[in-house]
Amino acid sequence: MYSNNEMVDYLIDIGVLRSSRIIEAFRSVDRADFVADGGVFNAYEDYPLDIGYGQTISQPRTVAMMLEMLSPMQGDKVLDIGSGSGWTSALLASIVGANGSVTGVERVSELVRFGSANLKKYKFKNAKIVQSADKLGIEEEKFDRILVSAAANELPYELIKQLKVGGKIVIPIQSSLFEIVKKENEEFDANEYYGFIFVPLIY
């Protein structure tokens, strides 16, 4: 594939991109703006690309699936854990719009700078990438949606606490993707989708 639009058309054709706002975000945010220099010729291929420091920019098909599961809405407050190159943060910023906000969290300081520089190419006023603290996420805040782009060994319950009631987390746990919706009293419903590979979640 030679263009971002061709990549998006492919993701629509195979059925992983379905929602109009998410499709619009994929078309307006060019994946090539978020790959490391050596990966620019493969920017539109459907596989992960190395961005250094043991991290990758995720496979387009997987990102499309995760965003469709997450179903972010206009005006949502979103936490993007493991923001890496900044691509998912930019897609989310486009989806939630000016009335929403996206905070990307990244533990590798060089990738905080890389992702932030990539985000600036789009002049989003509603998105930022910050260095992660010792704890997972941002303890003092509550979010409508939380996206996690690295695999945990087990469900981190501290993220459930950072979610508003009715909010949703999409997170890889071992080799499955989980879609989790928070209910009252810290309870939640979860759906599991098998057969994924992610870099490990370290914090």
C-alpha atoms as a PDB file:
ATOM      1  CA  MET A   1       0.000   0.000   0.000  1.00  0.00           C
ATOM      2  CA  TYR A   2       1.374   3.368  -1.049  1.00  0.00           C
ATOM      3  CA  SER A   3      -0.874   5.910   0.652  1.00  0.00           C
ATOM      4  CA  ASN A   4      -2.737   6.445   3.892  1.00  0.00           C
ATOM      5  CA  ASN A   5      -6.064   6.376   2.020  1.00  0.00           C
ATOM      6  CA  GLU A   6      -5.214   2.997   0.498  1.00  0.00           C
ATOM      7  CA  MET A   7      -4.470   1.662   3.989  1.00  0.00           C
ATOM      8  CA  VAL A   8      -7.807   2.998   5.264  1.00  0.00           C
ATOM      9  CA  ASP A   9      -9.692   1.515   2.301  1.00  0.00           C
ATOM     10  CA  TYR A  10      -8.059  -1.845   3.042  1.00  0.00           C
ATOM     11  CA  LEU A  11      -9.083  -1.672   6.728  1.00  0.00           C
ATOM     12  CA  ILE A  12     -12.659  -0.896   5.674  1.00  0.00           C
ATOM     13  CA  ASP A  13     -12.644  -3.731   3.105  1.00  0.00           C
ATOM     14  CA  ILE A  14     -11.560  -6.333   5.692  1.00  0.00           C
ATOM     15  CA  GLY A  15     -14.261  -5.115   8.070  1.00  0.00           C
ATOM     16  CA  VAL A  16     -12.203  -3.760  10.976  1.00  0.00           C
ATOM     17  CA  LEU A  17     -12.988  -0.057  10.356  1.00  0.00           C
ATOM     18  CA  ARG A  18     -16.726   0.636  10.479  1.00  0.00           C
ATOM     19  CA  SER A  19     -17.574   3.848  12.371  1.00  0.00           C
ATOM     20  CA  SER A  20     -17.656   7.087  10.394  1.00  0.00           C
ATOM     21  CA  ARG A  21     -15.817   9.211  13.000  1.00  0.00           C
ATOM     22  CA  ILE A  22     -13.059   6.614  13.388  1.00  0.00           C
ATOM     23  CA  ILE A  23     -12.712   6.255   9.597  1.00  0.00           C
ATOM     24  CA  GLU A  24     -12.513  10.048   9.302  1.00  0.00           C
ATOM     25  CA  ALA A  25      -9.760  10.125  11.958  1.00  0.00           C
ATOM     26  CA  PHE A  26      -7.754   7.428  10.154  1.00  0.00           C
ATOM     27  CA  ARG A  27      -8.017   9.418   6.915  1.00  0.00           C
ATOM     28  CA  SER A  28      -7.002  12.738   8.466  1.00  0.00           C
ATOM     29  CA  VAL A  29      -4.118  11.416  10.611  1.00  0.00           C
ATOM     30  CA  ASP A  30      -1.407   9.971   8.344  1.00  0.00           C
ATOM     31  CA  ARG A  31       0.404   6.959   9.858  1.00  0.00           C
ATOM     32  CA  ALA A  32       3.605   7.987   8.019  1.00  0.00           C
ATOM     33  CA  ASP A  33       3.857  11.026  10.315  1.00  0.00           C
ATOM     34  CA  PHE A  34       4.313   8.706  13.309  1.00  0.00           C
ATOM     35  CA  VAL A  35       6.847   6.101  12.168  1.00  0.00           C
ATOM     36  CA  ALA A  36      10.583   6.248  12.861  1.00  0.00           C
ATOM     37  CA  ASP A  37      12.755   7.370   9.938  1.00  0.00           C
ATOM     38  CA  GLY A  38      13.650   3.846   8.852  1.00  0.00           C
ATOM     39  CA  GLY A  39      10.009   2.758   8.654  1.00  0.00           C
ATOM     40  CA  VAL A  40       8.620   5.432   6.359  1.00  0.00           C
ATOM     41  CA  PHE A  41       8.640   3.154   3.291  1.00  0.00           C
ATOM     42  CA  ASN A  42       6.514   0.604   5.177  1.00  0.00           C
ATOM     43  CA  ALA A  43       4.256   3.156   6.865  1.00  0.00           C
ATOM     44  CA  TYR A  44       1.047   1.877   5.283  1.00  0.00           C
ATOM     45  CA  GLU A  45       1.658  -1.854   5.613  1.00  0.00           C
ATOM     46  CA  ASP A  46      -0.524  -3.863   7.971  1.00  0.00           C
ATOM     47  CA  TYR A  47       2.087  -4.823  10.538  1.00  0.00           C
ATOM     48  CA  PRO A  48       3.770  -3.193  13.558  1.00  0.00           C
ATOM     49  CA  LEU A  49       6.919  -1.113  13.014  1.00  0.00           C
ATOM     50  CA  ASP A  50       9.835  -0.641  15.386  1.00  0.00           C
ATOM     51  CA  ILE A  51      10.139   2.848  16.927  1.00  0.00           C
ATOM     52  CA  GLY A  52      13.108   1.995  19.145  1.00  0.00           C
ATOM     53  CA  TYR A  53      13.506   1.302  22.877  1.00  0.00           C
ATOM     54  CA  GLY A  54      11.781  -2.073  22.476  1.00  0.00           C
ATOM     55  CA  GLN A  55       8.521  -0.411  21.403  1.00  0.00           C
ATOM     56  CA  THR A  56       6.458  -0.456  18.196  1.00  0.00           C
ATOM     57  CA  ILE A  57       3.810   1.543  16.409  1.00  0.00           C
ATOM     58  CA  SER A  58       0.985  -0.995  16.404  1.00  0.00           C
ATOM     59  CA  GLN A  59      -0.409  -2.837  13.405  1.00  0.00           C
ATOM     60  CA  PRO A  60      -3.124  -0.710  11.710  1.00  0.00           C
ATOM     61  CA  ARG A  61      -5.644  -3.572  11.840  1.00  0.00           C
ATOM     62  CA  THR A  62      -5.155  -3.925  15.603  1.00  0.00           C
ATOM     63  CA  VAL A  63      -5.448  -0.174  16.228  1.00  0.00           C
ATOM     64  CA  ALA A  64      -8.651  -0.064  14.170  1.00  0.00           C
ATOM     65  CA  MET A  65     -10.122  -2.984  16.141  1.00  0.00           C
ATOM     66  CA  MET A  66      -9.175  -1.444  19.483  1.00  0.00           C
ATOM     67  CA  LEU A  67     -10.643   1.959  18.620  1.00  0.00           C
ATOM     68  CA  GLU A  68     -13.868   0.370  17.360  1.00  0.00           C
ATOM     69  CA  MET A  69     -14.103  -1.561  20.659  1.00  0.00           C
ATOM     70  CA  LEU A  70     -13.308   1.574  22.663  1.00  0.00           C
ATOM     71  CA  SER A  71     -15.992   3.542  20.763  1.00  0.00           C
ATOM     72  CA  PRO A  72     -14.815   6.998  21.882  1.00  0.00           C
ATOM     73  CA  MET A  73     -17.400   9.753  21.539  1.00  0.00           C
ATOM     74  CA  GLN A  74     -17.149  13.446  20.800  1.00  0.00           C
ATOM     75  CA  GLY A  75     -16.327  15.284  24.042  1.00  0.00           C
ATOM     76  CA  ASP A  76     -14.842  12.244  25.818  1.00  0.00           C
ATOM     77  CA  LYS A  77     -11.904  12.518  28.194  1.00  0.00           C
ATOM     78  CA  VAL A  78      -9.460   9.766  27.141  1.00  0.00           C
ATOM     79  CA  LEU A  79      -6.331   8.244  28.674  1.00  0.00           C
ATOM     80  CA  ASP A  80      -3.940   6.617  26.171  1.00  0.00           C
ATOM     81  CA  ILE A  81      -1.441   4.391  28.015  1.00  0.00           C
ATOM     82  CA  GLY A  82       1.686   3.435  26.091  1.00  0.00           C
ATOM     83  CA  SER A  83       1.234   6.241  23.561  1.00  0.00           C
ATOM     84  CA  GLY A  84       4.601   5.490  21.906  1.00  0.00           C
ATOM     85  CA  SER A  85       4.798   7.285  18.567  1.00  0.00           C
ATOM     86  CA  GLY A  86       1.685   9.365  19.328  1.00  0.00           C
ATOM     87  CA  TRP A  87      -0.410   7.823  16.525  1.00  0.00           C
ATOM     88  CA  THR A  88      -3.196   6.517  18.766  1.00  0.00           C
ATOM     89  CA  SER A  89      -3.271   9.788  20.732  1.00  0.00           C
ATOM     90  CA  ALA A  90      -3.654  11.735  17.473  1.00  0.00           C
ATOM     91  CA  LEU A  91      -6.415   9.426  16.220  1.00  0.00           C
ATOM     92  CA  LEU A  92      -8.239   9.776  19.529  1.00  0.00           C
ATOM     93  CA  ALA A  93      -7.819  13.578  19.525  1.00  0.00           C
ATOM     94  CA  SER A  94      -9.414  13.694  16.087  1.00  0.00           C
ATOM     95  CA  ILE A  95     -12.316  11.481  17.206  1.00  0.00           C
ATOM     96  CA  VAL A  96     -13.173  13.247  20.494  1.00  0.00           C
ATOM     97  CA  GLY A  97     -12.912  16.703  18.942  1.00  0.00           C
ATOM     98  CA  ALA A  98     -12.231  20.105  20.473  1.00  0.00           C
ATOM     99  CA  ASN A  99     -14.582  19.503  23.425  1.00  0.00           C
ATOM    100  CA  GLY A 100     -12.790  16.281  24.376  1.00  0.00           C
ATOM    101  CA  SER A 101      -9.270  15.670  25.632  1.00  0.00           C
ATOM    102  CA  VAL A 102      -6.596  13.015  25.247  1.00  0.00           C
ATOM    103  CA  THR A 103      -3.696  12.434  27.626  1.00  0.00           C
ATOM    104  CA  GLY A 104      -1.065  10.047  26.325  1.00  0.00           C
ATOM    105  CA  VAL A 105       1.163   8.431  28.932  1.00  0.00           C
ATOM    106  CA  GLU A 106       4.540   6.971  27.994  1.00  0.00           C
ATOM    107  CA  ARG A 107       7.315   5.631  30.279  1.00  0.00           C
ATOM    108  CA  VAL A 108      10.242   6.023  27.800  1.00  0.00           C
ATOM    109  CA  SER A 109      11.314   9.684  27.923  1.00  0.00           C
ATOM    110  CA  GLU A 110      12.718   9.611  24.362  1.00  0.00           C
ATOM    111  CA  LEU A 111       9.322   8.400  23.106  1.00  0.00           C
ATOM    112  CA  VAL A 112       7.531  11.120  25.100  1.00  0.00           C
ATOM    113  CA  ARG A 113       9.556  13.597  23.024  1.00  0.00           C
ATOM    114  CA  PHE A 114       9.080  11.655  19.772  1.00  0.00           C
ATOM    115  CA  GLY A 115       5.322  11.276  20.252  1.00  0.00           C
ATOM    116  CA  SER A 116       4.897  14.909  21.340  1.00  0.00           C
ATOM    117  CA  ALA A 117       6.804  16.131  18.259  1.00  0.00           C
ATOM    118  CA  ASN A 118       4.605  13.971  16.030  1.00  0.00           C
ATOM    119  CA  LEU A 119       1.431  15.300  17.683  1.00  0.00           C
ATOM    120  CA  LYS A 120       2.578  18.882  17.014  1.00  0.00           C
ATOM    121  CA  LYS A 121       2.425  18.195  13.263  1.00  0.00           C
ATOM    122  CA  TYR A 122      -1.372  18.295  13.674  1.00  0.00           C
ATOM    123  CA  LYS A 123      -1.645  21.256  16.056  1.00  0.00           C
ATOM    124  CA  PHE A 124      -4.152  19.476  18.300  1.00  0.00           C
ATOM    125  CA  LYS A 125      -5.080  21.689  21.240  1.00  0.00           C
ATOM    126  CA  ASN A 126      -6.874  18.824  23.002  1.00  0.00           C
ATOM    127  CA  ALA A 127      -4.017  16.280  23.238  1.00  0.00           C
ATOM    128  CA  LYS A 128      -0.725  15.923  25.075  1.00  0.00           C
ATOM    129  CA  ILE A 129       1.771  13.180  25.953  1.00  0.00           C
ATOM    130  CA  VAL A 130       3.306  13.059  29.416  1.00  0.00           C
ATOM    131  CA  GLN A 131       5.944  10.967  31.163  1.00  0.00           C
ATOM    132  CA  SER A 132       4.390   8.179  33.219  1.00  0.00           C
ATOM    133  CA  ALA A 133       4.836   8.210  36.973  1.00  0.00           C
ATOM    134  CA  ASP A 134       5.568   5.173  39.159  1.00  0.00           C
ATOM    135  CA  LYS A 135       1.868   4.303  39.234  1.00  0.00           C
ATOM    136  CA  LEU A 136      -0.148   3.175  36.210  1.00  0.00           C
ATOM    137  CA  GLY A 137      -2.298   5.859  34.605  1.00  0.00           C
ATOM    138  CA  ILE A 138      -3.179   9.127  36.356  1.00  0.00           C
ATOM    139  CA  GLU A 139      -4.529   8.309  39.815  1.00  0.00           C
ATOM    140  CA  GLU A 140      -6.205  11.618  40.602  1.00  0.00           C
ATOM    141  CA  GLU A 141      -8.329  11.766  37.433  1.00  0.00           C
ATOM    142  CA  LYS A 142     -11.372   9.963  35.974  1.00  0.00           C
ATOM    143  CA  PHE A 143     -11.757   9.167  32.283  1.00  0.00           C
ATOM    144  CA  ASP A 144     -14.554   8.214  29.901  1.00  0.00           C
ATOM    145  CA  ARG A 145     -12.262   5.921  27.911  1.00  0.00           C
ATOM    146  CA  ILE A 146      -8.882   4.289  28.574  1.00  0.00           C
ATOM    147  CA  LEU A 147      -6.829   2.685  25.807  1.00  0.00           C
ATOM    148  CA  VAL A 148      -3.850   0.500  26.746  1.00  0.00           C
ATOM    149  CA  SER A 149      -1.425  -0.452  23.966  1.00  0.00           C
ATOM    150  CA  ALA A 150       0.807  -2.889  25.867  1.00  0.00           C
ATOM    151  CA  ALA A 151      -0.008  -6.279  27.377  1.00  0.00           C
ATOM    152  CA  ALA A 152      -0.571  -6.650  31.112  1.00  0.00           C
ATOM    153  CA  ASN A 153      -0.166 -10.019  32.860  1.00  0.00           C
ATOM    154  CA  GLU A 154      -3.436  -9.446  34.702  1.00  0.00           C
ATOM    155  CA  LEU A 155      -6.095  -6.760  34.856  1.00  0.00           C
ATOM    156  CA  PRO A 156      -4.700  -3.628  36.604  1.00  0.00           C
ATOM    157  CA  TYR A 157      -7.559  -2.726  38.950  1.00  0.00           C
ATOM    158  CA  GLU A 158      -6.107   0.750  39.498  1.00  0.00           C
ATOM    159  CA  LEU A 159      -7.295   1.569  35.955  1.00  0.00           C
ATOM    160  CA  ILE A 160     -10.865   0.541  36.811  1.00  0.00           C
ATOM    161  CA  LYS A 161     -10.737   3.178  39.575  1.00  0.00           C
ATOM    162  CA  GLN A 162      -9.653   5.816  37.027  1.00  0.00           C
ATOM    163  CA  LEU A 163     -12.711   5.116  34.865  1.00  0.00           C
ATOM    164  CA  LYS A 164     -16.045   6.900  35.167  1.00  0.00           C
ATOM    165  CA  VAL A 165     -19.136   4.741  35.685  1.00  0.00           C
ATOM    166  CA  GLY A 166     -20.284   3.702  32.213  1.00  0.00           C
ATOM    167  CA  GLY A 167     -16.792   4.264  30.855  1.00  0.00           C
ATOM    168  CA  LYS A 168     -14.758   1.724  28.944  1.00  0.00           C
ATOM    169  CA  ILE A 169     -11.217   0.298  28.895  1.00  0.00           C
ATOM    170  CA  VAL A 170      -9.697  -1.650  26.020  1.00  0.00           C
ATOM    171  CA  ILE A 171      -6.585  -3.484  27.206  1.00  0.00           C
ATOM    172  CA  PRO A 172      -4.471  -6.461  26.107  1.00  0.00           C
ATOM    173  CA  ILE A 173      -3.981  -9.016  28.896  1.00  0.00           C
ATOM    174  CA  GLN A 174      -1.470 -11.707  27.966  1.00  0.00           C
ATOM    175  CA  SER A 175      -2.535 -12.732  24.428  1.00  0.00           C
ATOM    176  CA  SER A 176      -6.152 -11.527  24.551  1.00  0.00           C
ATOM    177  CA  LEU A 177      -7.833  -8.169  24.090  1.00  0.00           C
ATOM    178  CA  PHE A 178     -10.364  -7.212  26.742  1.00  0.00           C
ATOM    179  CA  GLU A 179     -13.223  -4.725  26.382  1.00  0.00           C
ATOM    180  CA  ILE A 180     -14.273  -3.686  29.891  1.00  0.00           C
ATOM    181  CA  VAL A 181     -17.249  -1.483  30.841  1.00  0.00           C
ATOM    182  CA  LYS A 182     -17.398  -0.086  34.377  1.00  0.00           C
ATOM    183  CA  LYS A 183     -20.568  -0.408  36.435  1.00  0.00           C
ATOM    184  CA  GLU A 184     -21.421   0.933  39.885  1.00  0.00           C
ATOM    185  CA  ASN A 185     -19.311   0.055  42.959  1.00  0.00           C
ATOM    186  CA  GLU A 186     -16.135  -0.659  40.963  1.00  0.00           C
ATOM    187  CA  GLU A 187     -17.843  -3.653  39.276  1.00  0.00           C
ATOM    188  CA  PHE A 188     -17.468  -4.222  35.542  1.00  0.00           C
ATOM    189  CA  ASP A 189     -18.438  -6.349  32.547  1.00  0.00           C
ATOM    190  CA  ALA A 190     -15.718  -7.788  30.304  1.00  0.00           C
ATOM    191  CA  ASN A 191     -15.544  -9.309  26.823  1.00  0.00           C
ATOM    192  CA  GLU A 192     -12.424 -11.237  25.732  1.00  0.00           C
ATOM    193  CA  TYR A 193     -11.033 -11.521  22.197  1.00  0.00           C
ATOM    194  CA  TYR A 194      -8.256 -14.071  21.669  1.00  0.00           C
ATOM    195  CA  GLY A 195      -5.047 -14.163  19.664  1.00  0.00           C
ATOM    196  CA  PHE A 196      -3.066 -10.907  19.916  1.00  0.00           C
ATOM    197  CA  ILE A 197       0.587 -10.049  20.513  1.00  0.00           C
ATOM    198  CA  PHE A 198       1.685  -6.792  22.181  1.00  0.00           C
ATOM    199  CA  VAL A 199       4.832  -5.493  23.805  1.00  0.00           C
ATOM    200  CA  PRO A 200       4.657  -5.984  27.595  1.00  0.00           C
ATOM    201  CA  LEU A 201       3.159  -3.344  29.883  1.00  0.00           C
ATOM    202  CA  ILE A 202       5.895  -2.201  32.274  1.00  0.00           C
ATOM    203  CA  TYR A 203       5.351   0.219  35.140  1.00  0.00           C
END
